[in-house]
Amino acid sequence: MNVSRGFLLAIIAIVGAVSLLIVLPYLEYVLLALLLAYVLHPLHRRLSPRVGGTASAASMLALVTVAALLPFVVVLSVIASDVVAFAEDLQTGGIEFAAIESAIADLTGVQVDLASSLDGYGEQIGSALLDAASNAFGLLAHVIIGLGLTVFLLYYLLKDGERFIDWLREITPLPEPVQEDLYTEIDDVTWAVLVGHVFIAIVQGVVAGIGLIVTGVPSAVFWTVVMVILALLPVIGAFMVWGPAALWLAATGNLAAGVGLAIYGTIVVGVTDDYLRPIVVNRRADVSPAVIVLGVVGGLSLFGFIGLFVGPIVLGVLKASLIVFDDYYDRMQEDDSL
């Protein structure tokens, strides 16, 4: 390597490291923009020849705002209201524990006093909420800036995304057939994770949430959101919420509602996965549930909330890269032996 080439590589490395430090504070929002651009690109590609690339990208931003941001704000407000109401009930003693205490006594023969055990927790929760409010403004500013960055990047990823992909193809030091195989494998994995697992998790959580609402489980909207997140884990699933909820209903005297929720969860929620997954998952991707679980847990720790989706994709892309490398290496070996 000559001096000029080494000097240029050193500049690239330094500037690349500094650029990474610039992006890191808002990395999750950048990744969110990339995922949204991937999901919306097929629709944008069909719409842009009719209305133009700029108008199509603007339409996609409006679609994201209506279909994602507004429901998110509504759900968040409902959850916040439920949390505040729960804290007030703990503080004022509005939660009735008599039925639960009686059920525990009948089953175990042990008398418990849940109200006394939880006495004072309401004040502690209220105090914790007040302490957290002092940091709310800084967090809110960070979120607003991050979402603004997501919208900005999403617009240009849709508008200029194909040119960006072409540029990547040009600078990637791989033969065109290898790049084609690699991008195809990555596309299959990303589609399998986003559609085959995220979509199914949302459907399972919502379907189970309907059961909670019908049977009168408190804070059903909050627990629906929790079930959507848990449904991303194939081994755990939404059962971790609707199962205990059914037991709670039975223990508090609503035996029919508890049994009904258990039957509904077992048949309707459980079968949802068996019927939907073969329809929406691309069989070529073949993403193992173990990869999904590991990717979700590790991604959540590394990237935050967006890691729920990015983590499994990263592991799937690693698998796809190894498959393409193995195929290409075998072809090279065969060519050398001829």
Protein backbone atom coordinates (compact mmCIF):
# COMPACT_ATOMS: atom_id res chain seq x y z
CA MET A 1 0.00 0.00 0.00
CA ASN A 2 1.47 3.39 -1.00
CA VAL A 3 1.56 6.42 1.28
CA SER A 4 -1.25 8.35 -0.44
CA ARG A 5 -3.64 5.41 -0.28
CA GLY A 6 -2.85 4.79 3.39
CA PHE A 7 -3.33 8.48 4.18
CA LEU A 8 -6.72 8.49 2.46
CA LEU A 9 -7.82 5.36 4.35
CA ALA A 10 -6.75 6.99 7.63
CA ILE A 11 -8.88 10.05 6.81
CA ILE A 12 -11.85 7.80 6.00
CA ALA A 13 -11.42 5.91 9.27
CA ILE A 14 -11.20 9.09 11.38
CA VAL A 15 -14.11 10.83 9.68
CA GLY A 16 -16.14 7.61 9.82
CA ALA A 17 -15.54 7.28 13.58
CA VAL A 18 -16.54 10.92 14.18
CA SER A 19 -19.63 10.47 11.98
CA LEU A 20 -20.61 7.42 14.05
CA LEU A 21 -20.34 9.49 17.24
CA ILE A 22 -22.59 12.12 15.66
CA VAL A 23 -25.24 9.55 14.73
CA LEU A 24 -25.16 7.47 17.94
CA PRO A 25 -27.34 9.78 20.12
CA TYR A 26 -30.20 9.39 17.62
CA LEU A 27 -29.33 5.96 16.25
CA GLU A 28 -32.72 4.43 17.12
CA TYR A 29 -34.52 7.15 15.17
CA VAL A 30 -32.24 6.64 12.17
CA LEU A 31 -32.97 2.91 12.29
CA LEU A 32 -36.69 3.66 12.59
CA ALA A 33 -36.51 5.77 9.43
CA LEU A 34 -34.74 2.94 7.58
CA LEU A 35 -37.37 0.38 8.64
CA LEU A 36 -40.25 2.68 7.67
CA ALA A 37 -38.62 3.40 4.32
CA TYR A 38 -38.27 -0.32 3.68
CA VAL A 39 -41.92 -0.97 4.51
CA LEU A 40 -43.24 1.99 2.48
CA HIS A 41 -40.94 1.63 -0.52
CA PRO A 42 -43.15 -0.81 -2.49
CA LEU A 43 -46.10 1.55 -2.21
CA HIS A 44 -43.93 4.56 -3.02
CA ARG A 45 -42.52 2.81 -6.09
CA ARG A 46 -46.04 2.26 -7.45
CA LEU A 47 -47.25 5.76 -6.63
CA SER A 48 -44.28 7.87 -7.72
CA PRO A 49 -44.68 7.32 -11.51
CA ARG A 50 -48.21 8.76 -11.26
CA VAL A 51 -47.73 11.77 -8.97
CA GLY A 52 -43.94 12.23 -8.93
CA GLY A 53 -41.29 11.26 -6.42
CA THR A 54 -41.65 14.36 -4.23
CA ALA A 55 -45.45 14.16 -3.93
CA SER A 56 -45.30 10.42 -3.35
CA ALA A 57 -42.73 10.78 -0.55
CA ALA A 58 -44.85 13.50 1.06
CA SER A 59 -47.90 11.24 0.82
CA MET A 60 -46.00 8.46 2.56
CA LEU A 61 -45.12 10.83 5.41
CA ALA A 62 -48.78 11.75 5.77
CA LEU A 63 -49.69 8.06 5.78
CA VAL A 64 -47.15 7.34 8.54
CA THR A 65 -48.48 10.24 10.60
CA VAL A 66 -52.09 9.11 10.34
CA ALA A 67 -51.50 5.35 10.58
CA ALA A 68 -48.77 5.26 13.22
CA LEU A 69 -48.12 8.47 15.14
CA LEU A 70 -51.68 9.45 15.94
CA PRO A 71 -52.68 5.99 17.26
CA PHE A 72 -49.43 5.92 19.22
CA VAL A 73 -50.28 9.24 20.90
CA VAL A 74 -53.80 8.03 21.69
CA VAL A 75 -52.58 4.74 23.16
CA LEU A 76 -49.88 6.53 25.14
CA SER A 77 -52.41 8.95 26.61
CA VAL A 78 -54.71 6.06 27.60
CA ILE A 79 -51.82 4.20 29.22
CA ALA A 80 -50.73 7.31 31.11
CA SER A 81 -54.30 7.81 32.33
CA ASP A 82 -54.47 4.18 33.49
CA VAL A 83 -51.16 4.45 35.34
CA VAL A 84 -52.24 7.65 37.09
CA ALA A 85 -55.60 6.12 38.03
CA PHE A 86 -53.87 2.99 39.37
CA ALA A 87 -51.51 5.13 41.47
CA GLU A 88 -54.46 7.10 42.85
CA ASP A 89 -56.30 3.87 43.70
CA LEU A 90 -53.29 2.59 45.59
CA GLN A 91 -52.99 5.86 47.46
CA THR A 92 -56.69 6.17 48.36
CA GLY A 93 -57.41 2.48 48.84
CA GLY A 94 -59.76 2.37 45.86
CA ILE A 95 -58.66 -1.12 44.89
CA GLU A 96 -60.74 -3.83 46.53
CA PHE A 97 -58.64 -6.75 47.74
CA ALA A 98 -61.31 -8.54 49.75
CA ALA A 99 -62.29 -10.97 46.99
CA ILE A 100 -58.66 -11.82 46.20
CA GLU A 101 -57.83 -12.28 49.90
CA SER A 102 -60.86 -14.56 50.31
CA ALA A 103 -59.87 -16.66 47.27
CA ILE A 104 -56.32 -17.05 48.57
CA ALA A 105 -57.64 -18.08 51.97
CA ASP A 106 -59.97 -20.67 50.43
CA LEU A 107 -57.21 -22.18 48.29
CA THR A 108 -54.32 -22.14 50.76
CA GLY A 109 -55.91 -21.69 54.18
CA VAL A 110 -53.62 -18.71 54.82
CA GLN A 111 -55.07 -15.34 55.76
CA VAL A 112 -53.37 -12.44 53.99
CA ASP A 113 -53.91 -8.69 54.21
CA LEU A 114 -52.98 -7.26 50.81
CA ALA A 115 -54.25 -3.79 51.65
CA SER A 116 -51.92 -3.47 54.64
CA SER A 117 -49.02 -4.95 52.69
CA LEU A 118 -49.47 -2.39 49.94
CA ASP A 119 -50.15 0.47 52.33
CA GLY A 120 -48.00 3.44 51.44
CA TYR A 121 -47.09 2.20 47.97
CA GLY A 122 -49.47 4.72 46.43
CA GLU A 123 -47.54 7.58 48.02
CA GLN A 124 -44.27 6.08 46.85
CA ILE A 125 -45.56 5.76 43.29
CA GLY A 126 -46.87 9.32 43.37
CA SER A 127 -43.52 10.56 44.63
CA ALA A 128 -41.71 8.62 41.94
CA LEU A 129 -43.97 10.14 39.28
CA LEU A 130 -43.22 13.65 40.57
CA ASP A 131 -39.50 12.95 40.53
CA ALA A 132 -39.72 11.60 36.99
CA ALA A 133 -41.63 14.69 35.87
CA SER A 134 -38.53 16.83 36.48
CA ASN A 135 -36.74 14.92 33.70
CA ALA A 136 -39.73 14.85 31.39
CA PHE A 137 -38.89 18.06 29.54
CA GLY A 138 -35.42 16.90 28.54
CA LEU A 139 -36.73 13.53 27.42
CA LEU A 140 -39.59 15.16 25.52
CA ALA A 141 -37.16 17.45 23.69
CA HIS A 142 -35.00 14.48 22.73
CA VAL A 143 -38.02 12.54 21.44
CA ILE A 144 -39.33 15.52 19.44
CA ILE A 145 -35.94 16.08 17.82
CA GLY A 146 -35.59 12.34 17.15
CA LEU A 147 -39.01 12.03 15.54
CA GLY A 148 -38.33 15.13 13.47
CA LEU A 149 -35.09 13.52 12.30
CA THR A 150 -37.00 10.33 11.48
CA VAL A 151 -39.49 12.24 9.33
CA PHE A 152 -36.70 14.15 7.58
CA LEU A 153 -34.69 11.01 6.83
CA LEU A 154 -37.76 9.05 5.79
CA TYR A 155 -38.68 11.67 3.21
CA TYR A 156 -35.26 11.58 1.56
CA LEU A 157 -34.89 7.81 1.87
CA LEU A 158 -38.11 7.44 -0.10
CA LYS A 159 -37.31 10.21 -2.55
CA ASP A 160 -33.67 9.27 -3.21
CA GLY A 161 -33.55 5.72 -1.88
CA GLU A 162 -33.02 4.02 -5.24
CA ARG A 163 -30.09 6.31 -6.05
CA PHE A 164 -28.63 5.51 -2.63
CA ILE A 165 -28.90 1.76 -3.32
CA ASP A 166 -27.27 2.24 -6.73
CA TRP A 167 -24.43 4.13 -5.06
CA LEU A 168 -23.98 1.31 -2.54
CA ARG A 169 -23.79 -1.18 -5.39
CA GLU A 170 -21.09 0.87 -7.08
CA ILE A 171 -18.83 1.23 -4.06
CA THR A 172 -19.30 -2.31 -2.74
CA PRO A 173 -16.28 -4.38 -3.82
CA LEU A 174 -18.30 -7.47 -4.71
CA PRO A 175 -19.26 -8.92 -8.10
CA GLU A 176 -22.75 -8.05 -9.26
CA PRO A 177 -24.12 -11.62 -8.98
CA VAL A 178 -22.91 -11.85 -5.37
CA GLN A 179 -24.48 -8.49 -4.52
CA GLU A 180 -27.74 -9.61 -6.10
CA ASP A 181 -27.80 -12.79 -4.02
CA LEU A 182 -26.88 -10.90 -0.87
CA TYR A 183 -29.57 -8.24 -1.30
CA THR A 184 -32.16 -10.90 -2.07
CA GLU A 185 -31.31 -12.83 1.10
CA ILE A 186 -31.36 -9.64 3.19
CA ASP A 187 -34.72 -8.67 1.71
CA ASP A 188 -36.17 -12.09 2.55
CA VAL A 189 -34.93 -11.91 6.13
CA THR A 190 -36.14 -8.34 6.69
CA TRP A 191 -39.55 -9.15 5.23
CA ALA A 192 -39.85 -12.28 7.37
CA VAL A 193 -39.04 -10.37 10.57
CA LEU A 194 -41.12 -7.26 9.94
CA VAL A 195 -44.15 -8.91 8.36
CA GLY A 196 -43.96 -12.48 9.58
CA HIS A 197 -43.27 -11.65 13.22
CA VAL A 198 -44.05 -8.00 13.94
CA PHE A 199 -47.35 -8.06 12.06
CA ILE A 200 -48.37 -11.32 13.72
CA ALA A 201 -47.37 -9.93 17.14
CA ILE A 202 -49.60 -6.90 16.57
CA VAL A 203 -52.51 -9.08 15.46
CA GLN A 204 -52.10 -11.44 18.43
CA GLY A 205 -51.87 -8.59 20.90
CA VAL A 206 -54.94 -6.83 19.53
CA VAL A 207 -56.97 -10.05 19.34
CA ALA A 208 -56.04 -10.91 22.93
CA GLY A 209 -56.76 -7.32 23.96
CA ILE A 210 -60.30 -7.66 22.64
CA GLY A 211 -60.73 -10.59 25.01
CA LEU A 212 -59.50 -8.48 27.94
CA ILE A 213 -61.92 -5.67 27.08
CA VAL A 214 -64.90 -7.99 26.69
CA THR A 215 -64.24 -9.77 30.00
CA GLY A 216 -63.73 -6.48 31.86
CA VAL A 217 -60.04 -6.68 32.74
CA PRO A 218 -58.86 -3.27 34.06
CA SER A 219 -56.41 -1.19 31.97
CA ALA A 220 -57.05 -3.39 28.94
CA VAL A 221 -55.38 -0.95 26.52
CA PHE A 222 -52.17 -0.95 28.54
CA TRP A 223 -52.09 -4.74 28.73
CA THR A 224 -52.82 -4.96 25.01
CA VAL A 225 -49.65 -2.97 24.30
CA VAL A 226 -47.74 -5.27 26.66
CA MET A 227 -49.11 -8.33 24.83
CA VAL A 228 -48.04 -6.92 21.46
CA ILE A 229 -44.49 -6.60 22.79
CA LEU A 230 -44.52 -10.03 24.43
CA ALA A 231 -45.93 -11.60 21.26
CA LEU A 232 -42.63 -10.70 19.56
CA LEU A 233 -41.15 -13.50 21.68
CA PRO A 234 -42.42 -16.76 20.19
CA VAL A 235 -41.63 -18.76 23.32
CA ILE A 236 -43.43 -16.38 25.72
CA GLY A 237 -46.17 -14.71 23.71
CA ALA A 238 -49.31 -12.93 24.82
CA PHE A 239 -50.17 -15.82 27.16
CA MET A 240 -48.06 -14.16 29.85
CA VAL A 241 -50.79 -11.53 30.14
CA TRP A 242 -54.10 -13.15 29.23
CA GLY A 243 -53.27 -16.31 31.22
CA PRO A 244 -52.80 -14.53 34.58
CA ALA A 245 -55.72 -12.26 33.68
CA ALA A 246 -58.00 -15.29 33.35
CA LEU A 247 -56.81 -16.57 36.74
CA TRP A 248 -57.37 -13.13 38.27
CA LEU A 249 -60.93 -12.99 36.95
CA ALA A 250 -61.67 -16.42 38.39
CA ALA A 251 -60.07 -15.54 41.74
CA THR A 252 -62.13 -12.35 42.06
CA GLY A 253 -65.45 -14.13 41.59
CA ASN A 254 -65.82 -13.78 37.81
CA LEU A 255 -65.44 -17.49 37.11
CA ALA A 256 -67.40 -17.43 33.84
CA ALA A 257 -65.36 -14.51 32.51
CA GLY A 258 -62.10 -16.19 33.54
CA VAL A 259 -63.01 -19.48 31.87
CA GLY A 260 -64.26 -17.64 28.80
CA LEU A 261 -61.02 -15.66 28.52
CA ALA A 262 -58.97 -18.85 28.92
CA ILE A 263 -60.92 -20.61 26.16
CA TYR A 264 -60.77 -17.54 23.91
CA GLY A 265 -57.03 -17.17 24.43
CA THR A 266 -56.31 -20.84 23.82
CA ILE A 267 -58.42 -21.19 20.69
CA VAL A 268 -58.60 -17.79 19.01
CA VAL A 269 -55.31 -16.17 20.07
CA GLY A 270 -53.35 -19.41 19.85
CA VAL A 271 -54.66 -20.41 16.45
CA THR A 272 -53.94 -16.93 15.06
CA ASP A 273 -50.24 -17.72 14.97
CA ASP A 274 -50.74 -21.12 13.33
CA TYR A 275 -52.88 -19.75 10.51
CA LEU A 276 -51.27 -16.37 9.87
CA ARG A 277 -47.60 -17.25 9.99
CA PRO A 278 -47.63 -19.67 7.00
CA ILE A 279 -49.54 -17.06 4.98
CA VAL A 280 -47.41 -13.97 5.60
CA VAL A 281 -43.95 -15.40 6.30
CA ASN A 282 -41.69 -15.90 3.31
CA ARG A 283 -40.61 -19.54 3.53
CA ARG A 284 -37.31 -18.77 1.83
CA ALA A 285 -36.18 -16.72 4.83
CA ASP A 286 -36.53 -19.60 7.33
CA VAL A 287 -35.93 -17.47 10.45
CA SER A 288 -35.79 -19.66 13.55
CA PRO A 289 -37.78 -18.62 16.66
CA ALA A 290 -34.50 -18.88 18.59
CA VAL A 291 -33.03 -16.16 16.37
CA ILE A 292 -36.09 -14.00 16.98
CA VAL A 293 -35.89 -14.38 20.77
CA LEU A 294 -32.14 -13.71 20.90
CA GLY A 295 -32.44 -10.79 18.50
CA VAL A 296 -35.33 -9.20 20.41
CA VAL A 297 -33.67 -9.47 23.83
CA GLY A 298 -30.22 -8.42 22.66
CA GLY A 299 -31.54 -5.75 20.31
CA LEU A 300 -33.66 -4.24 23.07
CA SER A 301 -30.59 -3.95 25.28
CA LEU A 302 -28.39 -2.50 22.56
CA PHE A 303 -30.70 -0.25 20.54
CA GLY A 304 -33.61 0.47 22.87
CA PHE A 305 -37.20 -0.05 21.78
CA ILE A 306 -36.34 -0.13 18.07
CA GLY A 307 -34.07 -3.09 18.86
CA LEU A 308 -37.21 -5.24 19.09
CA PHE A 309 -37.25 -5.10 15.31
CA VAL A 310 -33.61 -4.40 14.42
CA GLY A 311 -32.08 -7.14 16.57
CA PRO A 312 -33.65 -10.11 14.75
CA ILE A 313 -32.94 -8.45 11.39
CA VAL A 314 -29.24 -8.04 12.23
CA LEU A 315 -28.90 -11.72 13.18
CA GLY A 316 -30.87 -12.72 10.09
CA VAL A 317 -28.62 -10.59 7.88
CA LEU A 318 -25.58 -12.30 9.41
CA LYS A 319 -27.05 -15.66 8.47
CA ALA A 320 -27.86 -14.42 4.96
CA SER A 321 -24.33 -13.09 4.52
CA LEU A 322 -22.82 -16.40 5.59
CA ILE A 323 -25.08 -18.28 3.16
CA VAL A 324 -24.08 -16.04 0.25
CA PHE A 325 -20.42 -16.23 1.19
CA ASP A 326 -20.57 -20.01 1.37
CA ASP A 327 -22.30 -20.26 -2.01
CA TYR A 328 -19.87 -17.84 -3.64
CA TYR A 329 -16.84 -19.56 -2.10
CA ASP A 330 -18.06 -22.93 -3.36
CA ARG A 331 -18.47 -21.52 -6.87
CA MET A 332 -14.95 -20.12 -6.77
CA GLN A 333 -13.63 -23.48 -5.65
CA GLU A 334 -15.47 -25.19 -8.51
CA ASP A 335 -14.15 -22.65 -11.03
CA ASP A 336 -10.58 -23.13 -9.79
CA SER A 337 -10.88 -26.91 -10.14
CA LEU A 338 -11.94 -26.69 -13.80
